[in-house]
Each structure stands twice: as C-alpha cells, then as structure tokens.
Amino acid sequence: MRTIRSFLPALALVGALASPLMAQAPAAPTSGFRAEFLGNFHYVNGKILRLAEAIPQEKYTWRPAPGVRSIAEVFLHLAQAQYIFGANLGLQMPAAMDTSWEHSTTDKAKIIAALKSAFAAFDGAVAALPDADAERQSKLFGQQVTMRSLLLVETDHNAEHFGQMIAYARMNGVVPPWSMPGGGM
C-alpha cells in the first residue's frame, strides 16, 4: 500500500511544471462587466455542451429541412463563431477553420472537443481584456461597436443557437438533461 509520502515528489514536480503555465494565464475577473459576461457565457455554453453530449451521434447529421444547418453544422458554427468574435480580442482563427469548417465533420467527439476548445479560447481572451477597454471601439460585421457591445452580441449569438439546438434535440426525441428529474440547471 502506497502512502501519500510516496506521491509527494511527483506532486512537487507537477506543481513546479504547472506554476509557470498558471502564472501566464490571466486571472478571471471577479467583478465588473467581464465577470458578468463570463457568468452568462459559462452558463449558456455549459448547457450547449451538455446538450451536445446528450444528442446521439446518429442524430448529428439530422437537419429540419433541406438547406438548413444540421445539428453538427450548428455546433461547428458555434465553435467557429468564438474565433470570429474573438478576433476583436486578439484570438487567431485556427487554420483548420476555413470556409468549409461547418461541413468538416459529423463526429460527435471531435465536435464536442472543438466546442470546448473554442469556448476556452474565448474565455481566456475575455479574461485578458482589461476592464479599461470596455469602451474601446472595434469593427464587428462592418459596424463600430464597443468591446462591451461585442461581448453582448457574442453571448446573444450563443444563446440564439442554444435555443435552436433545444428545438432540434426535442424534435429528435432528446430531452435536455436539465429538464429531466434531477437534471439540475
């Protein structure tokens, strides 16, 4: 039987390696507009991920009508959108996310991984945004907006597709996990 003492050298090494990485990550804001945004962002995106996990793989190619995005395409669109909105925050679009990205895969595991990565990237970009930049101007879809407005438009966009995905799921007999007894929020 191993004791905690036998794991201490390994834990010390992990801590030493992780410390420089953790020092580089921006601290999450605890108050102000970024903290409020991130609270909503985490709530909506957490539910998007739970729904993506609840929808069976075989339903990822389902679409409500010809010419309308499939389940996979909506989730891939959401992943890519994090970088489109994030470009104003300094995020770089991954090379793989070209104009055909929404049609690149129907593999549930890859799509969920892409969502998680994109949400984390945008989260980090918001954490790194100084509060003083709330009123900084930028272009979004050809219009001048403040950084605060950009974040509101981004979270509205995610929530819009979240509602769409609830409808898609229910049309396919999938009950959102939080709607089931004991499913929580």
C-alpha atoms as a PDB file:
ATOM      1  CA  MET A   1       0.000   0.000   0.000  1.00  0.00           C
ATOM      2  CA  ARG A   2       1.425   3.328  -1.007  1.00  0.00           C
ATOM      3  CA  THR A   3       1.401   6.262   1.324  1.00  0.00           C
ATOM      4  CA  ILE A   4       0.818   9.883   0.432  1.00  0.00           C
ATOM      5  CA  ARG A   5       4.530  10.401   1.156  1.00  0.00           C
ATOM      6  CA  SER A   6       5.452   8.302  -1.896  1.00  0.00           C
ATOM      7  CA  PHE A   7       3.479  10.633  -4.165  1.00  0.00           C
ATOM      8  CA  LEU A   8       4.953  13.888  -2.817  1.00  0.00           C
ATOM      9  CA  PRO A   9       7.938  14.038  -5.231  1.00  0.00           C
ATOM     10  CA  ALA A  10       5.609  13.575  -8.225  1.00  0.00           C
ATOM     11  CA  LEU A  11       3.196  16.188  -6.911  1.00  0.00           C
ATOM     12  CA  ALA A  12       6.062  18.628  -6.381  1.00  0.00           C
ATOM     13  CA  LEU A  13       7.226  18.090  -9.969  1.00  0.00           C
ATOM     14  CA  VAL A  14       3.715  18.644 -11.347  1.00  0.00           C
ATOM     15  CA  GLY A  15       3.417  21.803  -9.263  1.00  0.00           C
ATOM     16  CA  ALA A  16       6.775  23.105 -10.459  1.00  0.00           C
ATOM     17  CA  LEU A  17       5.884  22.480 -14.090  1.00  0.00           C
ATOM     18  CA  ALA A  18       2.396  23.949 -13.765  1.00  0.00           C
ATOM     19  CA  SER A  19       3.413  27.120 -11.912  1.00  0.00           C
ATOM     20  CA  PRO A  20       4.898  28.955 -14.935  1.00  0.00           C
ATOM     21  CA  LEU A  21       1.885  27.998 -17.043  1.00  0.00           C
ATOM     22  CA  MET A  22      -0.570  29.150 -14.406  1.00  0.00           C
ATOM     23  CA  ALA A  23       1.332  32.424 -13.987  1.00  0.00           C
ATOM     24  CA  GLN A  24       0.793  33.184 -17.683  1.00  0.00           C
ATOM     25  CA  ALA A  25      -2.967  32.602 -17.633  1.00  0.00           C
ATOM     26  CA  PRO A  26      -4.951  35.771 -16.946  1.00  0.00           C
ATOM     27  CA  ALA A  27      -6.922  35.744 -13.727  1.00  0.00           C
ATOM     28  CA  ALA A  28     -10.664  35.510 -14.176  1.00  0.00           C
ATOM     29  CA  PRO A  29     -12.343  38.779 -13.254  1.00  0.00           C
ATOM     30  CA  THR A  30     -14.419  38.722 -10.066  1.00  0.00           C
ATOM     31  CA  SER A  31     -16.441  41.874 -10.676  1.00  0.00           C
ATOM     32  CA  GLY A  32     -17.343  44.273 -13.454  1.00  0.00           C
ATOM     33  CA  PHE A  33     -18.689  43.744 -16.934  1.00  0.00           C
ATOM     34  CA  ARG A  34     -16.269  40.923 -17.836  1.00  0.00           C
ATOM     35  CA  ALA A  35     -17.218  38.908 -14.743  1.00  0.00           C
ATOM     36  CA  GLU A  36     -20.915  39.390 -15.536  1.00  0.00           C
ATOM     37  CA  PHE A  37     -20.362  38.387 -19.153  1.00  0.00           C
ATOM     38  CA  LEU A  38     -18.328  35.310 -18.213  1.00  0.00           C
ATOM     39  CA  GLY A  39     -21.017  34.189 -15.746  1.00  0.00           C
ATOM     40  CA  ASN A  40     -23.577  34.190 -18.563  1.00  0.00           C
ATOM     41  CA  PHE A  41     -21.070  32.755 -21.049  1.00  0.00           C
ATOM     42  CA  HIS A  42     -20.272  29.792 -18.779  1.00  0.00           C
ATOM     43  CA  TYR A  43     -23.940  29.155 -18.020  1.00  0.00           C
ATOM     44  CA  VAL A  44     -25.100  29.094 -21.668  1.00  0.00           C
ATOM     45  CA  ASN A  45     -22.044  27.276 -23.008  1.00  0.00           C
ATOM     46  CA  GLY A  46     -22.204  24.700 -20.226  1.00  0.00           C
ATOM     47  CA  LYS A  47     -25.733  23.881 -21.330  1.00  0.00           C
ATOM     48  CA  ILE A  48     -24.691  23.806 -25.000  1.00  0.00           C
ATOM     49  CA  LEU A  49     -22.037  21.228 -24.105  1.00  0.00           C
ATOM     50  CA  ARG A  50     -24.462  19.159 -22.019  1.00  0.00           C
ATOM     51  CA  LEU A  51     -26.908  19.146 -24.932  1.00  0.00           C
ATOM     52  CA  ALA A  52     -24.174  18.239 -27.431  1.00  0.00           C
ATOM     53  CA  GLU A  53     -23.274  15.298 -25.209  1.00  0.00           C
ATOM     54  CA  ALA A  54     -26.919  14.206 -24.843  1.00  0.00           C
ATOM     55  CA  ILE A  55     -27.682  14.130 -28.561  1.00  0.00           C
ATOM     56  CA  PRO A  56     -26.819  10.702 -30.019  1.00  0.00           C
ATOM     57  CA  GLN A  57     -24.090  10.500 -32.672  1.00  0.00           C
ATOM     58  CA  GLU A  58     -26.572   9.234 -35.275  1.00  0.00           C
ATOM     59  CA  LYS A  59     -28.599  12.465 -34.948  1.00  0.00           C
ATOM     60  CA  TYR A  60     -25.675  14.769 -35.737  1.00  0.00           C
ATOM     61  CA  THR A  61     -26.491  14.664 -39.472  1.00  0.00           C
ATOM     62  CA  TRP A  62     -30.179  15.487 -38.902  1.00  0.00           C
ATOM     63  CA  ARG A  63     -31.482  18.784 -40.284  1.00  0.00           C
ATOM     64  CA  PRO A  64     -35.062  20.120 -40.063  1.00  0.00           C
ATOM     65  CA  ALA A  65     -35.270  20.887 -43.784  1.00  0.00           C
ATOM     66  CA  PRO A  66     -33.067  20.954 -46.885  1.00  0.00           C
ATOM     67  CA  GLY A  67     -30.671  23.903 -46.876  1.00  0.00           C
ATOM     68  CA  VAL A  68     -30.827  24.347 -43.097  1.00  0.00           C
ATOM     69  CA  ARG A  69     -27.816  23.611 -40.876  1.00  0.00           C
ATOM     70  CA  SER A  70     -27.644  20.115 -39.412  1.00  0.00           C
ATOM     71  CA  ILE A  71     -27.026  19.503 -35.717  1.00  0.00           C
ATOM     72  CA  ALA A  72     -23.302  19.014 -36.436  1.00  0.00           C
ATOM     73  CA  GLU A  73     -23.174  22.179 -38.561  1.00  0.00           C
ATOM     74  CA  VAL A  74     -24.777  24.331 -35.847  1.00  0.00           C
ATOM     75  CA  PHE A  75     -22.308  23.098 -33.235  1.00  0.00           C
ATOM     76  CA  LEU A  76     -19.373  23.659 -35.615  1.00  0.00           C
ATOM     77  CA  HIS A  77     -20.748  27.123 -36.438  1.00  0.00           C
ATOM     78  CA  LEU A  78     -20.781  27.914 -32.706  1.00  0.00           C
ATOM     79  CA  ALA A  79     -17.182  26.771 -32.323  1.00  0.00           C
ATOM     80  CA  GLN A  80     -16.030  28.893 -35.245  1.00  0.00           C
ATOM     81  CA  ALA A  81     -18.025  31.913 -34.076  1.00  0.00           C
ATOM     82  CA  GLN A  82     -15.949  32.088 -30.893  1.00  0.00           C
ATOM     83  CA  TYR A  83     -12.924  32.905 -33.048  1.00  0.00           C
ATOM     84  CA  ILE A  84     -14.832  35.273 -35.336  1.00  0.00           C
ATOM     85  CA  PHE A  85     -15.994  37.338 -32.363  1.00  0.00           C
ATOM     86  CA  GLY A  86     -12.694  36.719 -30.607  1.00  0.00           C
ATOM     87  CA  ALA A  87     -10.674  38.238 -33.451  1.00  0.00           C
ATOM     88  CA  ASN A  88     -11.522  41.611 -31.897  1.00  0.00           C
ATOM     89  CA  LEU A  89      -9.929  40.357 -28.683  1.00  0.00           C
ATOM     90  CA  GLY A  90      -6.777  39.085 -30.369  1.00  0.00           C
ATOM     91  CA  LEU A  91      -7.809  35.450 -30.945  1.00  0.00           C
ATOM     92  CA  GLN A  92      -6.419  33.834 -34.063  1.00  0.00           C
ATOM     93  CA  MET A  93      -8.677  31.552 -36.096  1.00  0.00           C
ATOM     94  CA  PRO A  94      -7.184  28.039 -36.242  1.00  0.00           C
ATOM     95  CA  ALA A  95      -6.040  27.197 -39.769  1.00  0.00           C
ATOM     96  CA  ALA A  96      -8.462  24.262 -39.958  1.00  0.00           C
ATOM     97  CA  MET A  97     -11.435  26.610 -39.559  1.00  0.00           C
ATOM     98  CA  ASP A  98     -11.736  27.712 -43.165  1.00  0.00           C
ATOM     99  CA  THR A  99     -14.982  28.448 -45.006  1.00  0.00           C
ATOM    100  CA  SER A 100     -15.811  24.729 -45.204  1.00  0.00           C
ATOM    101  CA  TRP A 101     -15.408  24.227 -41.427  1.00  0.00           C
ATOM    102  CA  GLU A 102     -19.141  23.787 -40.748  1.00  0.00           C
ATOM    103  CA  HIS A 103     -19.131  20.774 -43.087  1.00  0.00           C
ATOM    104  CA  SER A 104     -15.808  19.323 -41.924  1.00  0.00           C
ATOM    105  CA  THR A 105     -17.081  16.536 -39.664  1.00  0.00           C
ATOM    106  CA  THR A 106     -20.125  14.922 -38.131  1.00  0.00           C
ATOM    107  CA  ASP A 107     -18.073  13.108 -35.477  1.00  0.00           C
ATOM    108  CA  LYS A 108     -19.658  13.947 -32.123  1.00  0.00           C
ATOM    109  CA  ALA A 109     -16.434  13.591 -30.114  1.00  0.00           C
ATOM    110  CA  LYS A 110     -14.494  15.904 -32.465  1.00  0.00           C
ATOM    111  CA  ILE A 111     -17.302  18.464 -32.432  1.00  0.00           C
ATOM    112  CA  ILE A 112     -17.539  18.496 -28.636  1.00  0.00           C
ATOM    113  CA  ALA A 113     -13.746  18.852 -28.425  1.00  0.00           C
ATOM    114  CA  ALA A 114     -13.892  21.783 -30.876  1.00  0.00           C
ATOM    115  CA  LEU A 115     -16.625  23.460 -28.825  1.00  0.00           C
ATOM    116  CA  LYS A 116     -14.691  23.035 -25.581  1.00  0.00           C
ATOM    117  CA  SER A 117     -11.505  24.400 -27.143  1.00  0.00           C
ATOM    118  CA  ALA A 118     -13.264  27.376 -28.736  1.00  0.00           C
ATOM    119  CA  PHE A 119     -15.181  28.270 -25.563  1.00  0.00           C
ATOM    120  CA  ALA A 120     -11.946  28.070 -23.538  1.00  0.00           C
ATOM    121  CA  ALA A 121     -10.094  30.262 -26.049  1.00  0.00           C
ATOM    122  CA  PHE A 122     -12.787  32.942 -25.969  1.00  0.00           C
ATOM    123  CA  ASP A 123     -12.987  32.716 -22.169  1.00  0.00           C
ATOM    124  CA  GLY A 124      -9.230  33.336 -21.939  1.00  0.00           C
ATOM    125  CA  ALA A 125      -9.412  36.273 -24.329  1.00  0.00           C
ATOM    126  CA  VAL A 126     -12.136  37.907 -22.223  1.00  0.00           C
ATOM    127  CA  ALA A 127     -10.165  37.279 -19.021  1.00  0.00           C
ATOM    128  CA  ALA A 128      -7.168  39.022 -20.629  1.00  0.00           C
ATOM    129  CA  LEU A 129      -9.230  42.026 -21.772  1.00  0.00           C
ATOM    130  CA  PRO A 130      -8.593  44.951 -19.406  1.00  0.00           C
ATOM    131  CA  ASP A 131     -11.696  46.448 -17.802  1.00  0.00           C
ATOM    132  CA  ALA A 132     -10.491  49.803 -19.114  1.00  0.00           C
ATOM    133  CA  ASP A 133     -11.114  48.517 -22.657  1.00  0.00           C
ATOM    134  CA  ALA A 134     -14.889  48.201 -22.183  1.00  0.00           C
ATOM    135  CA  GLU A 135     -15.473  51.314 -24.290  1.00  0.00           C
ATOM    136  CA  ARG A 136     -12.700  50.626 -26.808  1.00  0.00           C
ATOM    137  CA  GLN A 137     -14.095  50.728 -30.336  1.00  0.00           C
ATOM    138  CA  SER A 138     -13.785  47.917 -32.828  1.00  0.00           C
ATOM    139  CA  LYS A 139     -15.437  46.767 -36.041  1.00  0.00           C
ATOM    140  CA  LEU A 140     -17.932  43.908 -35.960  1.00  0.00           C
ATOM    141  CA  PHE A 141     -19.636  42.924 -39.197  1.00  0.00           C
ATOM    142  CA  GLY A 142     -18.881  46.371 -40.619  1.00  0.00           C
ATOM    143  CA  GLN A 143     -20.204  48.355 -37.656  1.00  0.00           C
ATOM    144  CA  GLN A 144     -18.382  50.259 -34.927  1.00  0.00           C
ATOM    145  CA  VAL A 145     -19.023  48.651 -31.544  1.00  0.00           C
ATOM    146  CA  THR A 146     -17.530  48.849 -28.080  1.00  0.00           C
ATOM    147  CA  MET A 147     -15.902  45.787 -26.555  1.00  0.00           C
ATOM    148  CA  ARG A 148     -18.826  45.646 -24.121  1.00  0.00           C
ATOM    149  CA  SER A 149     -21.284  45.544 -27.032  1.00  0.00           C
ATOM    150  CA  LEU A 150     -19.206  42.904 -28.815  1.00  0.00           C
ATOM    151  CA  LEU A 151     -19.460  40.644 -25.756  1.00  0.00           C
ATOM    152  CA  LEU A 152     -23.224  41.168 -25.580  1.00  0.00           C
ATOM    153  CA  VAL A 153     -23.634  40.298 -29.259  1.00  0.00           C
ATOM    154  CA  GLU A 154     -21.434  37.212 -28.808  1.00  0.00           C
ATOM    155  CA  THR A 155     -23.430  35.868 -25.870  1.00  0.00           C
ATOM    156  CA  ASP A 156     -26.704  36.626 -27.678  1.00  0.00           C
ATOM    157  CA  HIS A 157     -25.400  34.655 -30.658  1.00  0.00           C
ATOM    158  CA  ASN A 158     -24.560  31.648 -28.485  1.00  0.00           C
ATOM    159  CA  ALA A 159     -27.942  31.831 -26.738  1.00  0.00           C
ATOM    160  CA  GLU A 160     -29.752  32.044 -30.091  1.00  0.00           C
ATOM    161  CA  HIS A 161     -28.144  28.820 -31.301  1.00  0.00           C
ATOM    162  CA  PHE A 162     -28.614  27.239 -27.883  1.00  0.00           C
ATOM    163  CA  GLY A 163     -32.384  27.725 -28.256  1.00  0.00           C
ATOM    164  CA  GLN A 164     -32.190  26.345 -31.786  1.00  0.00           C
ATOM    165  CA  MET A 165     -30.397  23.255 -30.505  1.00  0.00           C
ATOM    166  CA  ILE A 166     -33.022  22.689 -27.782  1.00  0.00           C
ATOM    167  CA  ALA A 167     -35.653  22.619 -30.542  1.00  0.00           C
ATOM    168  CA  TYR A 168     -33.516  20.312 -32.705  1.00  0.00           C
ATOM    169  CA  ALA A 169     -32.962  17.967 -29.764  1.00  0.00           C
ATOM    170  CA  ARG A 170     -36.641  17.804 -28.832  1.00  0.00           C
ATOM    171  CA  MET A 171     -37.612  17.212 -32.481  1.00  0.00           C
ATOM    172  CA  ASN A 172     -35.351  14.160 -32.274  1.00  0.00           C
ATOM    173  CA  GLY A 173     -36.751  12.862 -29.005  1.00  0.00           C
ATOM    174  CA  VAL A 174     -33.854  14.117 -26.878  1.00  0.00           C
ATOM    175  CA  VAL A 175     -34.871  15.741 -23.609  1.00  0.00           C
ATOM    176  CA  PRO A 176     -32.377  18.378 -22.487  1.00  0.00           C
ATOM    177  CA  PRO A 177     -30.524  16.958 -19.465  1.00  0.00           C
ATOM    178  CA  TRP A 178     -31.537  19.830 -17.160  1.00  0.00           C
ATOM    179  CA  SER A 179     -35.245  19.179 -17.976  1.00  0.00           C
ATOM    180  CA  MET A 180     -35.119  15.650 -16.591  1.00  0.00           C
ATOM    181  CA  PRO A 181     -35.830  14.932 -12.922  1.00  0.00           C
ATOM    182  CA  GLY A 182     -32.645  15.637 -11.009  1.00  0.00           C
ATOM    183  CA  GLY A 183     -31.048  17.196 -14.118  1.00  0.00           C
ATOM    184  CA  GLY A 184     -30.136  20.434 -12.402  1.00  0.00           C
ATOM    185  CA  MET A 185     -29.593  23.679 -14.203  1.00  0.00           C
END
